[in-house]
C-alpha atoms as a PDB file:
ATOM      1  CA  MET A   1     117.244 -20.763  17.318  1.00  0.00           C
ATOM      2  CA  ALA A   2     116.235 -20.767  13.804  1.00  0.00           C
ATOM      3  CA  LYS A   3     113.724 -23.429  14.191  1.00  0.00           C
ATOM      4  CA  ILE A   4     112.081 -22.461  16.922  1.00  0.00           C
ATOM      5  CA  ARG A   5     111.531 -18.870  14.898  1.00  0.00           C
ATOM      6  CA  ALA A   6     110.655 -21.486  11.819  1.00  0.00           C
ATOM      7  CA  TYR A   7     107.911 -22.819  14.464  1.00  0.00           C
ATOM      8  CA  LYS A   8     107.013 -19.107  16.457  1.00  0.00           C
ATOM      9  CA  LEU A   9     106.056 -18.175  12.672  1.00  0.00           C
ATOM     10  CA  ALA A  10     104.290 -21.197  11.739  1.00  0.00           C
ATOM     11  CA  GLU A  11     102.460 -21.317  14.863  1.00  0.00           C
ATOM     12  CA  GLU A  12     101.966 -17.082  14.454  1.00  0.00           C
ATOM     13  CA  LEU A  13     100.508 -17.669  10.430  1.00  0.00           C
ATOM     14  CA  GLY A  14      98.490 -21.222  10.484  1.00  0.00           C
ATOM     15  CA  ILE A  15     100.822 -22.970   9.148  1.00  0.00           C
ATOM     16  CA  ASP A  16     101.552 -26.456   9.711  1.00  0.00           C
ATOM     17  CA  ARG A  17     104.396 -27.136  11.470  1.00  0.00           C
ATOM     18  CA  ASN A  18     104.989 -30.798  10.540  1.00  0.00           C
ATOM     19  CA  GLU A  19     104.069 -29.806   6.870  1.00  0.00           C
ATOM     20  CA  PHE A  20     107.209 -28.320   5.613  1.00  0.00           C
ATOM     21  CA  VAL A  21     109.569 -30.897   6.129  1.00  0.00           C
ATOM     22  CA  GLU A  22     107.422 -33.355   4.911  1.00  0.00           C
ATOM     23  CA  GLN A  23     106.654 -30.741   1.807  1.00  0.00           C
ATOM     24  CA  ALA A  24     110.769 -30.472   1.621  1.00  0.00           C
ATOM     25  CA  SER A  25     111.211 -33.954   0.824  1.00  0.00           C
ATOM     26  CA  GLN A  26     108.561 -33.828  -2.169  1.00  0.00           C
ATOM     27  CA  VAL A  27     110.639 -31.609  -4.033  1.00  0.00           C
ATOM     28  CA  GLY A  28     114.299 -33.092  -3.217  1.00  0.00           C
ATOM     29  CA  ILE A  29     114.746 -30.684  -0.452  1.00  0.00           C
ATOM     30  CA  GLU A  30     116.323 -32.290   2.155  1.00  0.00           C
ATOM     31  CA  LEU A  31     116.811 -31.012   5.800  1.00  0.00           C
ATOM     32  CA  LYS A  32     119.119 -32.236   7.864  1.00  0.00           C
ATOM     33  CA  TRP A  33     119.755 -32.321  11.739  1.00  0.00           C
ATOM     34  CA  GLY A  34     120.768 -28.784  12.959  1.00  0.00           C
ATOM     35  CA  GLU A  35     120.235 -26.843   9.476  1.00  0.00           C
ATOM     36  CA  GLY A  36     118.113 -24.408  11.200  1.00  0.00           C
ATOM     37  CA  GLU A  37     118.331 -21.047   9.111  1.00  0.00           C
ATOM     38  CA  SER A  38     116.494 -23.560   6.176  1.00  0.00           C
ATOM     39  CA  ILE A  39     113.988 -24.500   7.863  1.00  0.00           C
ATOM     40  CA  LEU A  40     113.563 -21.162   8.313  1.00  0.00           C
ATOM     41  CA  ASN A  41     114.400 -20.218   4.412  1.00  0.00           C
ATOM     42  CA  LEU A  42     111.744 -22.754   3.827  1.00  0.00           C
ATOM     43  CA  VAL A  43     108.931 -20.551   6.351  1.00  0.00           C
ATOM     44  CA  GLN A  44     110.086 -17.517   5.169  1.00  0.00           C
ATOM     45  CA  LYS A  45     109.184 -18.543   1.339  1.00  0.00           C
ATOM     46  CA  ILE A  46     105.952 -19.476   2.089  1.00  0.00           C
ATOM     47  CA  ILE A  47     104.698 -16.947   3.814  1.00  0.00           C
ATOM     48  CA  ASP A  48     106.224 -14.591   1.268  1.00  0.00           C
ATOM     49  CA  GLN A  49     104.946 -16.867  -1.359  1.00  0.00           C
ATOM     50  CA  GLU A  50     108.168 -17.008  -3.455  1.00  0.00           C
ATOM     51  CA  GLY A  51     109.816 -19.233  -5.532  1.00  0.00           C
ATOM     52  CA  ILE A  52     109.782 -23.157  -4.224  1.00  0.00           C
ATOM     53  CA  GLY A  53     107.241 -21.321  -1.495  1.00  0.00           C
ATOM     54  CA  VAL A  54     104.519 -21.284  -3.974  1.00  0.00           C
ATOM     55  CA  LEU A  55     104.496 -25.211  -4.660  1.00  0.00           C
ATOM     56  CA  LEU A  56     105.454 -25.904  -0.638  1.00  0.00           C
ATOM     57  CA  ALA A  57     102.477 -23.706   0.635  1.00  0.00           C
ATOM     58  CA  LYS A  58     100.341 -26.594  -1.238  1.00  0.00           C
ATOM     59  CA  GLY A  59     100.579 -28.612   0.832  1.00  0.00           C
ATOM     60  CA  THR A  60     102.114 -32.029   0.290  1.00  0.00           C
ATOM     61  CA  LEU A  61      98.808 -34.665  -1.092  1.00  0.00           C
ATOM     62  CA  ALA A  62      97.967 -31.675  -3.317  1.00  0.00           C
ATOM     63  CA  MET A  63     101.949 -30.930  -4.068  1.00  0.00           C
ATOM     64  CA  ALA A  64     101.973 -34.115  -5.333  1.00  0.00           C
ATOM     65  CA  ARG A  65      99.088 -34.190  -7.723  1.00  0.00           C
ATOM     66  CA  GLU A  66     101.006 -31.382  -9.227  1.00  0.00           C
ATOM     67  CA  LEU A  67     104.540 -33.310  -9.650  1.00  0.00           C
ATOM     68  CA  GLY A  68     102.786 -37.027 -11.375  1.00  0.00           C
ATOM     69  CA  ARG A  69     103.619 -38.522  -8.476  1.00  0.00           C
ATOM     70  CA  ASP A  70     102.395 -41.621  -6.677  1.00  0.00           C
ATOM     71  CA  GLU A  71      98.931 -40.417  -3.732  1.00  0.00           C
ATOM     72  CA  GLY A  72     100.410 -43.208  -1.704  1.00  0.00           C
ATOM     73  CA  GLU A  73     104.025 -41.419  -1.809  1.00  0.00           C
ATOM     74  CA  ALA A  74     102.499 -38.197   0.234  1.00  0.00           C
ATOM     75  CA  ALA A  75     102.786 -39.073   3.331  1.00  0.00           C
ATOM     76  CA  GLN A  76      99.485 -37.731   4.728  1.00  0.00           C
ATOM     77  CA  VAL A  77      95.342 -38.521   4.667  1.00  0.00           C
ATOM     78  CA  LYS A  78      92.983 -36.325   3.659  1.00  0.00           C
ATOM     79  CA  GLY A  79      95.431 -33.862   2.535  1.00  0.00           C
ATOM     80  CA  LEU A  80      96.585 -33.871   6.350  1.00  0.00           C
ATOM     81  CA  GLU A  81     100.494 -34.849   6.786  1.00  0.00           C
ATOM     82  CA  MET A  82     101.898 -37.319   8.872  1.00  0.00           C
ATOM     83  CA  PRO A  83     102.867 -36.503  12.641  1.00  0.00           C
ATOM     84  CA  MET A  84     106.015 -38.099  14.005  1.00  0.00           C
ATOM     85  CA  HIS A  85     103.158 -40.556  16.083  1.00  0.00           C
ATOM     86  CA  GLU A  86     103.645 -44.564  13.836  1.00  0.00           C
ATOM     87  CA  GLY A  87     100.662 -46.477  13.006  1.00  0.00           C
ATOM     88  CA  ARG A  88     103.174 -49.489  11.853  1.00  0.00           C
ATOM     89  CA  ALA A  89     103.713 -49.058  15.440  1.00  0.00           C
ATOM     90  CA  PHE A  90     100.172 -48.935  17.567  1.00  0.00           C
ATOM     91  CA  HIS A  91      98.058 -50.086  14.668  1.00  0.00           C
ATOM     92  CA  GLY A  92      95.053 -48.709  16.150  1.00  0.00           C
ATOM     93  CA  LEU A  93      96.591 -45.178  15.496  1.00  0.00           C
ATOM     94  CA  ALA A  94      96.476 -46.233  12.246  1.00  0.00           C
ATOM     95  CA  VAL A  95      92.380 -46.477  11.825  1.00  0.00           C
ATOM     96  CA  SER A  96      92.551 -43.283  14.081  1.00  0.00           C
ATOM     97  CA  TYR A  97      94.480 -41.815  11.468  1.00  0.00           C
ATOM     98  CA  ALA A  98      91.982 -42.851   8.647  1.00  0.00           C
ATOM     99  CA  THR A  99      89.143 -41.833  10.030  1.00  0.00           C
ATOM    100  CA  GLY A 100      90.156 -39.259  12.017  1.00  0.00           C
ATOM    101  CA  PRO A 101      87.547 -35.766  10.832  1.00  0.00           C
ATOM    102  CA  ARG A 102      90.496 -33.772  10.481  1.00  0.00           C
ATOM    103  CA  GLY A 103      92.824 -36.843   8.582  1.00  0.00           C
ATOM    104  CA  ALA A 104      96.069 -38.039   9.995  1.00  0.00           C
ATOM    105  CA  CYS A 105      95.492 -36.297  13.317  1.00  0.00           C
ATOM    106  CA  HIS A 106      97.013 -38.021  16.631  1.00  0.00           C
ATOM    107  CA  LEU A 107      94.901 -35.336  18.734  1.00  0.00           C
ATOM    108  CA  LYS A 108      91.483 -37.666  16.936  1.00  0.00           C
ATOM    109  CA  GLY A 109      92.390 -40.212  19.280  1.00  0.00           C
ATOM    110  CA  ASP A 110      96.412 -40.885  21.024  1.00  0.00           C
ATOM    111  CA  TYR A 111      95.565 -44.491  21.148  1.00  0.00           C
ATOM    112  CA  TYR A 112      99.291 -45.001  21.498  1.00  0.00           C
ATOM    113  CA  ASN A 113      98.676 -43.895  24.583  1.00  0.00           C
ATOM    114  CA  ILE A 114      96.084 -46.914  24.788  1.00  0.00           C
ATOM    115  CA  ASP A 115      98.807 -49.407  24.173  1.00  0.00           C
ATOM    116  CA  LEU A 116     100.982 -48.257  26.523  1.00  0.00           C
ATOM    117  CA  GLY A 117      99.202 -49.451  29.665  1.00  0.00           C
ATOM    118  CA  ASN A 118      96.388 -46.233  29.849  1.00  0.00           C
ATOM    119  CA  MET A 119      92.801 -47.424  29.607  1.00  0.00           C
ATOM    120  CA  ILE A 120      89.537 -46.297  30.254  1.00  0.00           C
ATOM    121  CA  MET A 121      87.292 -49.073  32.460  1.00  0.00           C
ATOM    122  CA  GLU A 122      84.229 -47.058  31.765  1.00  0.00           C
ATOM    123  CA  TYR A 123      84.325 -48.893  27.759  1.00  0.00           C
ATOM    124  CA  MET A 124      86.488 -51.407  27.911  1.00  0.00           C
ATOM    125  CA  ILE A 125      89.242 -49.401  26.422  1.00  0.00           C
ATOM    126  CA  LEU A 126      92.492 -51.480  27.527  1.00  0.00           C
ATOM    127  CA  PRO A 127      96.187 -51.789  25.955  1.00  0.00           C
ATOM    128  CA  SER A 128      96.688 -54.685  24.338  1.00  0.00           C
ATOM    129  CA  ASP A 129      99.451 -56.261  22.051  1.00  0.00           C
ATOM    130  CA  ARG A 130     100.474 -52.838  19.454  1.00  0.00           C
ATOM    131  CA  LEU A 131     101.292 -54.688  17.145  1.00  0.00           C
ATOM    132  CA  VAL A 132      97.876 -56.829  16.717  1.00  0.00           C
ATOM    133  CA  SER A 133      95.493 -55.055  15.003  1.00  0.00           C
ATOM    134  CA  GLU A 134      91.837 -56.665  14.796  1.00  0.00           C
ATOM    135  CA  GLY A 135      90.659 -56.340  18.051  1.00  0.00           C
ATOM    136  CA  LYS A 136      91.294 -51.854  18.166  1.00  0.00           C
ATOM    137  CA  GLY A 137      88.904 -51.089  16.271  1.00  0.00           C
ATOM    138  CA  GLU A 138      85.926 -50.918  18.323  1.00  0.00           C
ATOM    139  CA  PRO A 139      87.914 -49.604  21.097  1.00  0.00           C
ATOM    140  CA  ALA A 140      89.707 -47.038  19.064  1.00  0.00           C
ATOM    141  CA  ALA A 141      86.632 -45.079  17.896  1.00  0.00           C
ATOM    142  CA  LYS A 142      85.465 -44.868  21.500  1.00  0.00           C
ATOM    143  CA  PHE A 143      88.645 -43.644  22.589  1.00  0.00           C
ATOM    144  CA  GLN A 144      88.339 -41.137  19.484  1.00  0.00           C
ATOM    145  CA  SER A 145      85.555 -40.160  20.375  1.00  0.00           C
ATOM    146  CA  PHE A 146      86.177 -39.738  24.135  1.00  0.00           C
ATOM    147  CA  LYS A 147      89.041 -37.033  23.304  1.00  0.00           C
ATOM    148  CA  ASP A 148      86.660 -34.630  20.836  1.00  0.00           C
ATOM    149  CA  LEU A 149      84.630 -34.233  24.431  1.00  0.00           C
ATOM    150  CA  PHE A 150      88.000 -32.370  25.349  1.00  0.00           C
ATOM    151  CA  ASP A 151      87.490 -29.921  22.180  1.00  0.00           C
ATOM    152  CA  ALA A 152      84.396 -29.253  22.883  1.00  0.00           C
ATOM    153  CA  LEU A 153      84.368 -29.144  27.333  1.00  0.00           C
ATOM    154  CA  THR A 154      88.063 -26.943  25.974  1.00  0.00           C
ATOM    155  CA  LEU A 155      90.197 -29.172  27.519  1.00  0.00           C
ATOM    156  CA  CYS A 156      93.877 -30.210  26.317  1.00  0.00           C
ATOM    157  CA  LYS A 157      94.023 -33.773  24.948  1.00  0.00           C
ATOM    158  CA  PHE A 158      97.139 -35.074  27.580  1.00  0.00           C
ATOM    159  CA  ALA A 159      95.346 -33.922  30.836  1.00  0.00           C
ATOM    160  CA  PRO A 160      95.031 -36.732  32.360  1.00  0.00           C
ATOM    161  CA  LEU A 161      91.258 -36.488  32.877  1.00  0.00           C
ATOM    162  CA  GLN A 162      88.952 -39.669  33.717  1.00  0.00           C
ATOM    163  CA  VAL A 163      85.250 -40.099  32.877  1.00  0.00           C
ATOM    164  CA  PRO A 164      83.600 -39.751  36.523  1.00  0.00           C
ATOM    165  CA  GLN A 165      86.062 -36.698  36.502  1.00  0.00           C
ATOM    166  CA  LEU A 166      84.697 -35.570  33.814  1.00  0.00           C
ATOM    167  CA  CYS A 167      81.080 -36.277  34.700  1.00  0.00           C
ATOM    168  CA  ASP A 168      81.281 -34.502  37.833  1.00  0.00           C
ATOM    169  CA  MET A 169      82.744 -31.532  36.270  1.00  0.00           C
ATOM    170  CA  LEU A 170      80.402 -31.383  33.752  1.00  0.00           C
ATOM    171  CA  ASN A 171      77.264 -31.814  35.596  1.00  0.00           C
ATOM    172  CA  ALA A 172      78.546 -29.362  38.118  1.00  0.00           C
ATOM    173  CA  LEU A 173      78.102 -26.668  36.121  1.00  0.00           C
ATOM    174  CA  THR A 174      75.361 -27.319  34.433  1.00  0.00           C
ATOM    175  CA  GLY A 175      73.133 -28.992  36.537  1.00  0.00           C
ATOM    176  CA  TRP A 176      72.653 -32.003  34.426  1.00  0.00           C
ATOM    177  CA  GLU A 177      72.955 -35.727  34.727  1.00  0.00           C
ATOM    178  CA  PHE A 178      75.514 -37.252  32.933  1.00  0.00           C
ATOM    179  CA  SER A 179      76.511 -40.433  33.132  1.00  0.00           C
ATOM    180  CA  ALA A 180      79.459 -42.360  31.359  1.00  0.00           C
ATOM    181  CA  GLU A 181      76.784 -43.620  29.087  1.00  0.00           C
ATOM    182  CA  ASP A 182      75.738 -40.169  28.463  1.00  0.00           C
ATOM    183  CA  LEU A 183      79.238 -39.342  27.664  1.00  0.00           C
ATOM    184  CA  LEU A 184      80.343 -41.687  24.917  1.00  0.00           C
ATOM    185  CA  ALA A 185      77.006 -40.612  23.596  1.00  0.00           C
ATOM    186  CA  ALA A 186      77.870 -37.388  22.776  1.00  0.00           C
ATOM    187  CA  GLY A 187      81.458 -37.732  22.355  1.00  0.00           C
ATOM    188  CA  ASP A 188      80.017 -39.946  19.403  1.00  0.00           C
ATOM    189  CA  ARG A 189      77.239 -37.452  18.156  1.00  0.00           C
ATOM    190  CA  SER A 190      79.919 -35.124  17.507  1.00  0.00           C
ATOM    191  CA  VAL A 191      82.166 -37.109  15.368  1.00  0.00           C
ATOM    192  CA  THR A 192      78.594 -38.805  13.909  1.00  0.00           C
ATOM    193  CA  ILE A 193      78.293 -34.806  13.105  1.00  0.00           C
ATOM    194  CA  LYS A 194      81.549 -33.897  11.351  1.00  0.00           C
ATOM    195  CA  ARG A 195      81.485 -37.232   8.881  1.00  0.00           C
ATOM    196  CA  ALA A 196      78.004 -36.065   7.592  1.00  0.00           C
ATOM    197  CA  ILE A 197      79.222 -32.641   6.971  1.00  0.00           C
ATOM    198  CA  SER A 198      82.658 -34.344   5.454  1.00  0.00           C
ATOM    199  CA  ASN A 199      80.338 -36.680   3.379  1.00  0.00           C
ATOM    200  CA  LYS A 200      77.892 -33.707   2.206  1.00  0.00           C
ATOM    201  CA  PHE A 201      81.689 -32.389   1.275  1.00  0.00           C
ATOM    202  CA  GLY A 202      82.436 -35.285  -0.807  1.00  0.00           C
ATOM    203  CA  LEU A 203      83.660 -37.526   1.446  1.00  0.00           C
ATOM    204  CA  THR A 204      83.821 -41.417   1.044  1.00  0.00           C
ATOM    205  CA  ARG A 205      84.473 -44.972   2.506  1.00  0.00           C
ATOM    206  CA  GLU A 206      87.689 -44.400  -0.392  1.00  0.00           C
ATOM    207  CA  HIS A 207      89.193 -41.171   1.963  1.00  0.00           C
ATOM    208  CA  ASP A 208      89.281 -43.736   4.800  1.00  0.00           C
ATOM    209  CA  THR A 209      93.272 -44.871   4.266  1.00  0.00           C
ATOM    210  CA  VAL A 210      96.950 -44.177   5.213  1.00  0.00           C
ATOM    211  CA  PRO A 211      99.538 -44.613   2.385  1.00  0.00           C
ATOM    212  CA  LYS A 212     101.702 -46.328   1.327  1.00  0.00           C
ATOM    213  CA  ILE A 213     104.426 -44.435   2.558  1.00  0.00           C
ATOM    214  CA  ALA A 214     103.175 -45.203   6.192  1.00  0.00           C
ATOM    215  CA  MET A 215     101.133 -48.535   6.167  1.00  0.00           C
ATOM    216  CA  ASP A 216     103.485 -51.139   4.139  1.00  0.00           C
ATOM    217  CA  ALA A 217     106.459 -52.572   6.194  1.00  0.00           C
ATOM    218  CA  LEU A 218     109.623 -51.358   7.378  1.00  0.00           C
ATOM    219  CA  GLU A 219     112.112 -53.578   6.769  1.00  0.00           C
ATOM    220  CA  GLU A 220     113.986 -52.711  10.209  1.00  0.00           C
ATOM    221  CA  GLY A 221     113.688 -51.935  13.621  1.00  0.00           C
ATOM    222  CA  THR A 222     110.530 -53.410  16.236  1.00  0.00           C
ATOM    223  CA  THR A 223     108.046 -53.218  13.816  1.00  0.00           C
ATOM    224  CA  ALA A 224     109.326 -55.640  10.949  1.00  0.00           C
ATOM    225  CA  GLY A 225     108.070 -57.528   8.767  1.00  0.00           C
ATOM    226  CA  VAL A 226     104.414 -55.949   9.904  1.00  0.00           C
ATOM    227  CA  GLN A 227     101.870 -53.961   8.643  1.00  0.00           C
ATOM    228  CA  PRO A 228      97.981 -52.753  10.313  1.00  0.00           C
ATOM    229  CA  ASP A 229      95.198 -54.503   8.492  1.00  0.00           C
ATOM    230  CA  LEU A 230      93.190 -51.684   7.474  1.00  0.00           C
ATOM    231  CA  LYS A 231      90.718 -53.352   6.108  1.00  0.00           C
ATOM    232  CA  THR A 232      89.620 -55.483   9.274  1.00  0.00           C
ATOM    233  CA  MET A 233      90.267 -52.412  11.711  1.00  0.00           C
ATOM    234  CA  LEU A 234      87.811 -49.936   9.614  1.00  0.00           C
ATOM    235  CA  LYS A 235      85.338 -53.070   9.465  1.00  0.00           C
ATOM    236  CA  GLU A 236      85.384 -53.237  13.641  1.00  0.00           C
ATOM    237  CA  TYR A 237      85.414 -49.147  13.541  1.00  0.00           C
ATOM    238  CA  TYR A 238      82.348 -49.094  11.557  1.00  0.00           C
ATOM    239  CA  GLN A 239      80.230 -51.518  13.018  1.00  0.00           C
ATOM    240  CA  TYR A 240      80.281 -49.547  15.886  1.00  0.00           C
ATOM    241  CA  ARG A 241      79.510 -46.437  14.293  1.00  0.00           C
ATOM    242  CA  GLY A 242      77.282 -47.288  12.419  1.00  0.00           C
ATOM    243  CA  TRP A 243      78.458 -46.274   9.412  1.00  0.00           C
ATOM    244  CA  ASP A 244      77.315 -48.153   5.266  1.00  0.00           C
ATOM    245  CA  TRP A 245      80.352 -49.976   4.654  1.00  0.00           C
ATOM    246  CA  GLU A 246      79.314 -48.765   1.217  1.00  0.00           C
ATOM    247  CA  THR A 247      78.565 -45.264   1.189  1.00  0.00           C
ATOM    248  CA  GLY A 248      80.844 -43.917   4.667  1.00  0.00           C
ATOM    249  CA  LYS A 249      77.664 -43.073   5.444  1.00  0.00           C
ATOM    250  CA  PRO A 250      75.912 -43.060   9.116  1.00  0.00           C
ATOM    251  CA  GLY A 251      73.253 -44.947   8.719  1.00  0.00           C
ATOM    252  CA  LYS A 252      69.965 -44.258   9.201  1.00  0.00           C
ATOM    253  CA  GLU A 253      69.034 -45.924  12.744  1.00  0.00           C
ATOM    254  CA  LYS A 254      71.866 -44.859  14.735  1.00  0.00           C
ATOM    255  CA  LEU A 255      71.675 -41.510  13.733  1.00  0.00           C
ATOM    256  CA  ILE A 256      68.362 -41.678  15.427  1.00  0.00           C
ATOM    257  CA  GLU A 257      69.765 -43.507  18.081  1.00  0.00           C
ATOM    258  CA  LEU A 258      72.041 -40.561  18.785  1.00  0.00           C
ATOM    259  CA  GLY A 259      69.156 -37.995  18.387  1.00  0.00           C
ATOM    260  CA  LEU A 260      70.214 -36.937  14.836  1.00  0.00           C
ATOM    261  CA  ASN A 261      67.398 -36.790  12.991  1.00  0.00           C
ATOM    262  CA  HIS A 262      67.687 -33.680  11.210  1.00  0.00           C
ATOM    263  CA  ILE A 263      71.049 -35.342   9.378  1.00  0.00           C
ATOM    264  CA  ALA A 264      68.917 -38.625   8.934  1.00  0.00           C
ATOM    265  CA  GLU A 265      65.486 -37.131   7.274  1.00  0.00           C
ATOM    266  CA  ASP A 266      68.205 -34.166   5.290  1.00  0.00           C
ATOM    267  CA  PHE A 267      70.802 -38.054   4.124  1.00  0.00           C
ATOM    268  CA  TYR A 268      67.783 -40.753   4.087  1.00  0.00           C
ATOM    269  CA  SER A 269      64.635 -38.688   2.745  1.00  0.00           C
END
């Protein structure tokens, strides 16, 4: 019950419930299975800005910096803590985390669902060996764009809706004539706009990464000795997106192709 109360508090006050367990480990607080009261106490300290809660409230990346720790030890991407889904177990998920506009968010591309057997035939997003990196960058980008549409359409990311259904629903409501290609282009446009905004705030290609703690090969388990080839996947991803490899910004031609001429003029005038 204590854990449920802690989650309820976190949800009500806008605290990422993934965060405080990771943050606690950063400062040497070990939360063991069943210790619900300890979790509840930590959440309350964050809310009250009391004691260790002042540091925990800063987030894992800020904590690592303040404590003088290697940022590769902080399980986060772009400041957002890692969820339970593992990029080493599903390589397409690793590149999704690295490039997600929010950082390590499984809702910006839950690619593990693809390699567990789901597919989107219209975009040739097909299941493959989950521990293979080559060839994952482009479908991961397409899947990211597809899932971004669910936010725009106020749909649950886990709703099993297929491309024809989304097109039919959208066209019935609006009177438009969106095709499968139009739908994907809308998703690409959405992701690219978010990328351009992030670029304005200082984001570069160097931020498209996953920390060592979530990338280095494990010694045991089904993924033992296997590490995602993030560079290969990023190159494939960037090529599909039309992003500049050196700067991490959307290229001028791609921006114009997506109808984002105003951003192209801003970036390349």
